[in-house]
Amino acid sequence: MPKGQPETVPEDGLTTRQRRNRPLLAVHTGTGKGKSTAAFGLALRAWNQGWPIGVFQFVKSARWKVGEERALRVLGASGEGGTVDWHKMGEGWSWIQRDAELGNEEAAREGWAQIRRDLAAETYRLYVLDEFAYALHWGWLDTAEVVSVLRDRPGTQHVVVTGRNAPPELLDAADLVTEMTKVKHPMDAGQKGQRGIEW
């Protein structure tokens, strides 16, 4: 297993092990492809460690049948690694009876309220907040409040947020930020998305 050496060691009074095991807030943003894919790759690693995983998909349609969802649901139910709970705003949050009546903004607020409850209860070890940056960018949620809750979450809960246009306040609070930049994409040449690549 590779052992990376940090360029600097902060004078924070923590041991190497304590510093290594701190929970992370990661953000995958930018206009390029691969933000969600990278987050789901991280979820596979978390599953392998036996961590409970909560996936909250914002914005994406319920009609989209992404391969990562099926794979992680099967793995989560296998009893081999961690459990996986998958929630999709587009098909109605599973914990709300009247969800079909909600508009996108209200549904986003309901999803965030559940995430806050789960963070407070330390329900999951890894949270994938897929396309969550859009809910912040469009003003559906208060960015300052979201950043405060994510920054002050208890325990050893890791959170990864995906989506374009992640607000600067979220980037500043994050421990890891990756900006996906498109250099070239098949759609630029008129090729539509394909099975096994886009879903």
Protein backbone atom coordinates (compact mmCIF):
# COMPACT_ATOMS: atom_id res chain seq x y z
CA MET A 1 0.00 0.00 0.00
CA PRO A 2 1.50 3.37 -0.98
CA LYS A 3 2.45 5.64 1.88
CA GLY A 4 2.31 9.26 0.80
CA GLN A 5 4.45 11.73 2.62
CA PRO A 6 2.85 15.12 3.33
CA GLU A 7 4.86 18.13 2.24
CA THR A 8 4.38 19.76 5.64
CA VAL A 9 3.34 18.53 9.05
CA PRO A 10 1.10 21.01 10.87
CA GLU A 11 1.82 21.92 14.47
CA ASP A 12 -1.67 20.92 15.62
CA GLY A 13 -0.77 18.61 18.50
CA LEU A 14 -2.19 15.55 16.72
CA THR A 15 -0.35 12.30 16.22
CA THR A 16 0.14 11.01 12.69
CA ARG A 17 -2.60 8.41 13.27
CA GLN A 18 -5.04 11.02 14.64
CA ARG A 19 -4.39 13.31 11.70
CA ARG A 20 -4.71 10.44 9.21
CA ASN A 21 -8.06 9.33 10.59
CA ARG A 22 -9.78 12.73 10.64
CA PRO A 23 -13.06 12.73 8.71
CA LEU A 24 -12.89 14.50 5.37
CA LEU A 25 -15.19 16.80 3.45
CA ALA A 26 -14.46 16.30 -0.26
CA VAL A 27 -15.90 18.26 -3.18
CA HIS A 28 -15.85 17.13 -6.82
CA THR A 29 -16.82 20.07 -9.02
CA GLY A 30 -16.12 21.55 -12.44
CA THR A 31 -17.53 21.19 -15.94
CA GLY A 32 -15.81 17.92 -16.79
CA LYS A 33 -17.16 14.37 -16.67
CA GLY A 34 -16.41 12.09 -13.75
CA LYS A 35 -17.52 13.91 -10.59
CA SER A 36 -20.15 11.37 -9.57
CA THR A 37 -18.09 8.49 -10.94
CA ALA A 38 -15.20 9.43 -8.65
CA ALA A 39 -17.55 9.71 -5.66
CA PHE A 40 -18.99 6.27 -6.33
CA GLY A 41 -15.46 4.88 -6.64
CA LEU A 42 -14.85 6.27 -3.15
CA ALA A 43 -18.07 4.56 -2.02
CA LEU A 44 -16.68 1.24 -3.27
CA ARG A 45 -13.61 1.74 -1.09
CA ALA A 46 -15.83 2.60 1.88
CA TRP A 47 -17.96 -0.50 1.24
CA ASN A 48 -14.82 -2.63 1.24
CA GLN A 49 -13.92 -1.21 4.68
CA GLY A 50 -17.34 -2.23 6.01
CA TRP A 51 -18.57 1.35 6.40
CA PRO A 52 -22.28 2.15 6.21
CA ILE A 53 -22.89 4.41 3.19
CA GLY A 54 -25.68 6.87 2.51
CA VAL A 55 -26.13 8.09 -1.06
CA PHE A 56 -28.39 11.10 -1.59
CA GLN A 57 -28.93 11.94 -5.27
CA PHE A 58 -30.16 15.45 -5.93
CA VAL A 59 -31.48 16.64 -9.31
CA LYS A 60 -31.02 13.44 -11.34
CA SER A 61 -34.19 11.95 -12.77
CA ALA A 62 -35.75 8.82 -11.30
CA ARG A 63 -35.78 7.44 -14.83
CA TRP A 64 -32.00 7.39 -14.94
CA LYS A 65 -30.81 3.92 -14.12
CA VAL A 66 -27.15 4.44 -13.30
CA GLY A 67 -24.94 1.38 -13.04
CA GLU A 68 -23.37 2.54 -9.79
CA GLU A 69 -26.75 2.44 -8.05
CA ARG A 70 -27.41 -1.18 -8.97
CA ALA A 71 -23.85 -2.25 -8.17
CA LEU A 72 -23.77 -0.54 -4.79
CA ARG A 73 -27.25 -1.80 -3.85
CA VAL A 74 -26.20 -5.38 -4.66
CA LEU A 75 -22.95 -5.00 -2.75
CA GLY A 76 -24.70 -3.37 0.20
CA ALA A 77 -27.16 -6.25 0.45
CA SER A 78 -24.47 -8.93 0.08
CA GLY A 79 -23.45 -8.96 3.73
CA GLU A 80 -19.81 -8.83 2.67
CA GLY A 81 -18.93 -5.15 3.22
CA GLY A 82 -20.78 -2.07 4.42
CA THR A 83 -24.48 -1.39 4.01
CA VAL A 84 -25.71 1.03 1.34
CA ASP A 85 -28.83 3.19 1.51
CA TRP A 86 -29.69 4.98 -1.75
CA HIS A 87 -32.07 7.96 -1.82
CA LYS A 88 -33.13 9.80 -5.00
CA MET A 89 -34.85 13.16 -5.00
CA GLY A 90 -36.11 12.52 -8.52
CA GLU A 91 -38.22 9.52 -7.52
CA GLY A 92 -39.33 10.95 -4.21
CA TRP A 93 -37.47 10.74 -0.96
CA SER A 94 -38.38 7.42 0.62
CA TRP A 95 -39.10 8.95 4.03
CA ILE A 96 -41.74 11.44 2.79
CA GLN A 97 -45.27 10.28 1.98
CA ARG A 98 -46.33 13.44 0.12
CA ASP A 99 -43.10 13.83 -1.86
CA ALA A 100 -44.81 13.69 -5.27
CA GLU A 101 -46.42 17.05 -4.43
CA LEU A 102 -43.10 18.78 -3.67
CA GLY A 103 -41.34 21.12 -6.06
CA ASN A 104 -37.60 20.74 -6.62
CA GLU A 105 -36.63 23.42 -4.11
CA GLU A 106 -38.83 22.00 -1.36
CA ALA A 107 -37.65 18.47 -2.15
CA ALA A 108 -34.03 19.64 -1.88
CA ARG A 109 -34.78 21.18 1.52
CA GLU A 110 -36.40 17.90 2.65
CA GLY A 111 -33.36 15.94 1.47
CA TRP A 112 -31.00 18.28 3.31
CA ALA A 113 -33.12 18.01 6.48
CA GLN A 114 -32.74 14.21 6.38
CA ILE A 115 -28.98 14.49 5.82
CA ARG A 116 -28.77 16.79 8.86
CA ARG A 117 -30.68 14.23 10.94
CA ASP A 118 -28.42 11.42 9.74
CA LEU A 119 -25.27 13.44 10.44
CA ALA A 120 -26.49 14.22 13.96
CA ALA A 121 -27.26 10.52 14.55
CA GLU A 122 -23.98 9.44 12.89
CA THR A 123 -25.99 7.07 10.69
CA TYR A 124 -23.33 6.62 7.99
CA ARG A 125 -19.55 6.65 7.83
CA LEU A 126 -19.62 7.94 4.22
CA TYR A 127 -22.19 10.29 2.69
CA VAL A 128 -22.30 10.77 -1.07
CA LEU A 129 -24.26 13.98 -1.76
CA ASP A 130 -24.52 13.58 -5.51
CA GLU A 131 -25.25 16.76 -7.52
CA PHE A 132 -25.74 18.56 -4.20
CA ALA A 133 -23.70 21.56 -5.38
CA TYR A 134 -26.58 22.48 -7.71
CA ALA A 135 -28.96 22.89 -4.76
CA LEU A 136 -26.50 25.41 -3.31
CA HIS A 137 -25.74 27.16 -6.60
CA TRP A 138 -29.44 27.62 -7.40
CA GLY A 139 -30.12 29.03 -3.92
CA TRP A 140 -32.43 26.19 -2.85
CA LEU A 141 -30.41 25.83 0.36
CA ASP A 142 -28.52 28.30 2.54
CA THR A 143 -24.84 27.72 1.75
CA ALA A 144 -23.61 29.17 5.06
CA GLU A 145 -25.87 26.83 7.03
CA VAL A 146 -24.85 23.80 4.96
CA VAL A 147 -21.16 24.60 5.39
CA SER A 148 -21.61 25.06 9.15
CA VAL A 149 -23.37 21.69 9.54
CA LEU A 150 -20.82 19.85 7.38
CA ARG A 151 -17.86 21.51 9.10
CA ASP A 152 -19.19 20.75 12.62
CA ARG A 153 -20.50 17.20 11.99
CA PRO A 154 -19.74 14.80 14.85
CA GLY A 155 -17.71 11.61 14.84
CA THR A 156 -15.80 10.17 11.91
CA GLN A 157 -18.25 10.84 9.09
CA HIS A 158 -16.80 11.48 5.65
CA VAL A 159 -18.81 13.52 3.14
CA VAL A 160 -18.30 13.89 -0.60
CA VAL A 161 -20.28 16.53 -2.51
CA THR A 162 -20.53 16.49 -6.30
CA GLY A 163 -21.84 18.94 -8.88
CA ARG A 164 -20.88 21.89 -11.02
CA ASN A 165 -20.57 25.41 -9.62
CA ALA A 166 -19.80 24.46 -6.04
CA PRO A 167 -19.87 27.73 -4.07
CA PRO A 168 -16.58 29.20 -2.83
CA GLU A 169 -17.65 28.86 0.81
CA LEU A 170 -18.00 25.10 0.37
CA LEU A 171 -14.64 24.87 -1.38
CA ASP A 172 -12.99 26.81 1.44
CA ALA A 173 -14.47 24.47 4.08
CA ALA A 174 -13.50 21.29 2.20
CA ASP A 175 -10.42 19.22 3.00
CA LEU A 176 -10.18 17.92 -0.57
CA VAL A 177 -11.36 19.70 -3.72
CA THR A 178 -11.06 18.27 -7.21
CA GLU A 179 -12.13 20.30 -10.22
CA MET A 180 -12.94 18.16 -13.22
CA THR A 181 -12.06 20.03 -16.40
CA LYS A 182 -13.23 18.96 -19.82
CA VAL A 183 -10.40 18.76 -22.32
CA LYS A 184 -12.29 16.68 -24.88
CA HIS A 185 -15.59 14.79 -24.86
CA PRO A 186 -17.28 12.50 -27.43
CA MET A 187 -20.45 14.62 -27.24
CA ASP A 188 -18.45 17.48 -28.78
CA ALA A 189 -18.31 15.34 -31.92
CA GLY A 190 -22.03 14.51 -31.78
CA GLN A 191 -21.74 11.14 -30.04
CA LYS A 192 -24.42 10.52 -27.42
CA GLY A 193 -23.80 8.84 -24.08
CA GLN A 194 -23.50 5.07 -24.10
CA ARG A 195 -24.12 2.12 -21.79
CA GLY A 196 -21.24 1.20 -19.57
CA ILE A 197 -19.66 4.66 -19.97
CA GLU A 198 -22.33 7.21 -18.97
CA TRP A 199 -24.60 4.83 -17.05
